[in-house]
């Protein structure tokens, strides 16, 4: 199942503020007080894998960080996420 989560406006420090499993980009947590915590609906999708940021496909942590650095201050951010199957889910 694919879903979209939005957040904005993006902060000047340019940091999303969520924790991921670097092997599959699964959302595993939110940094308290961060942009993701205060300004996005991402926290509703823990256990989902990030597949796109603002329409740009991401498949590894390097691509995710590149997409993060391309986000502009005060821009509305749209994440496309896919549910991670229970077999592949991060259990840490």
Protein backbone atom coordinates (compact mmCIF):
# COMPACT_ATOMS: atom_id res chain seq x y z
CA UNK A 1 0.00 0.00 0.00
CA UNK A 2 1.33 3.44 -0.94
CA UNK A 3 0.48 6.58 1.01
CA UNK A 4 1.53 10.21 1.02
CA UNK A 5 2.55 12.17 4.09
CA UNK A 6 3.06 15.90 4.00
CA UNK A 7 5.05 18.31 6.06
CA UNK A 8 5.91 21.91 5.95
CA UNK A 9 7.14 24.47 5.93
CA UNK A 10 10.58 22.87 5.79
CA UNK A 11 12.98 24.29 8.42
CA UNK A 12 15.99 26.44 7.72
CA UNK A 13 18.33 23.84 9.31
CA UNK A 14 17.36 21.44 6.49
CA UNK A 15 16.91 18.34 8.67
CA UNK A 16 13.86 16.06 8.50
CA UNK A 17 14.24 14.74 12.03
CA UNK A 18 13.17 11.15 11.70
CA UNK A 19 14.98 7.89 12.29
CA UNK A 20 15.23 5.30 9.54
CA UNK A 21 16.55 1.83 8.99
CA UNK A 22 19.39 2.61 6.52
CA UNK A 23 19.00 -0.78 4.85
CA UNK A 24 15.48 -0.19 3.55
CA UNK A 25 14.51 3.42 4.50
CA UNK A 26 11.84 2.21 6.92
CA UNK A 27 10.68 4.92 9.32
CA UNK A 28 11.56 3.69 12.79
CA UNK A 29 11.13 6.82 14.89
CA UNK A 30 10.80 10.57 15.14
CA UNK A 31 13.29 12.87 16.87
CA UNK A 32 11.32 14.69 19.61
CA UNK A 33 10.97 18.41 18.91
CA UNK A 34 12.18 18.05 15.31
CA UNK A 35 10.51 19.28 12.12
CA UNK A 36 9.05 15.81 11.53
CA UNK A 37 7.63 15.81 15.06
CA UNK A 38 6.11 19.30 14.88
CA UNK A 39 5.26 19.85 11.21
CA UNK A 40 4.55 16.60 9.42
CA UNK A 41 2.21 13.66 9.31
CA UNK A 42 5.14 11.25 8.95
CA UNK A 43 4.85 10.01 12.55
CA UNK A 44 1.59 8.31 11.55
CA UNK A 45 3.53 6.03 9.21
CA UNK A 46 6.18 4.36 11.37
CA UNK A 47 6.91 0.99 9.80
CA UNK A 48 6.52 2.39 6.27
CA UNK A 49 9.40 2.77 3.81
CA UNK A 50 10.13 6.13 2.19
CA UNK A 51 10.13 5.73 -1.59
CA UNK A 52 9.89 9.35 -2.80
CA UNK A 53 10.51 12.87 -1.53
CA UNK A 54 8.71 15.57 -3.53
CA UNK A 55 8.35 13.19 -6.45
CA UNK A 56 12.03 12.18 -6.47
CA UNK A 57 12.50 8.43 -6.07
CA UNK A 58 14.85 7.37 -3.25
CA UNK A 59 16.10 3.84 -2.75
CA UNK A 60 18.94 4.22 -0.25
CA UNK A 61 20.09 6.49 2.55
CA UNK A 62 22.43 8.48 0.29
CA UNK A 63 19.58 9.32 -2.09
CA UNK A 64 17.33 10.22 0.85
CA UNK A 65 19.95 12.60 2.27
CA UNK A 66 20.46 14.13 -1.18
CA UNK A 67 16.68 14.71 -1.46
CA UNK A 68 16.71 16.20 2.05
CA UNK A 69 19.46 18.63 1.08
CA UNK A 70 17.50 19.62 -2.06
CA UNK A 71 14.49 20.69 0.02
CA UNK A 72 14.19 24.42 0.38
CA UNK A 73 13.34 26.35 3.51
CA UNK A 74 9.58 26.89 3.93
CA UNK A 75 8.79 24.43 1.11
CA UNK A 76 5.92 21.95 1.62
CA UNK A 77 7.38 18.43 1.57
CA UNK A 78 5.51 15.38 0.24
CA UNK A 79 6.73 11.88 1.12
CA UNK A 80 5.53 8.78 -0.69
CA UNK A 81 5.68 5.75 1.57
CA UNK A 82 5.07 2.02 1.13
CA UNK A 83 4.09 -0.35 3.90
CA UNK A 84 6.94 -2.69 4.87
CA UNK A 85 5.80 -6.30 5.01
CA UNK A 86 5.97 -7.90 8.45
CA UNK A 87 8.66 -10.31 7.25
CA UNK A 88 11.04 -7.51 6.22
CA UNK A 89 10.17 -5.08 9.00
CA UNK A 90 12.88 -3.72 11.28
CA UNK A 91 12.55 -5.41 14.65
CA UNK A 92 15.11 -3.36 16.58
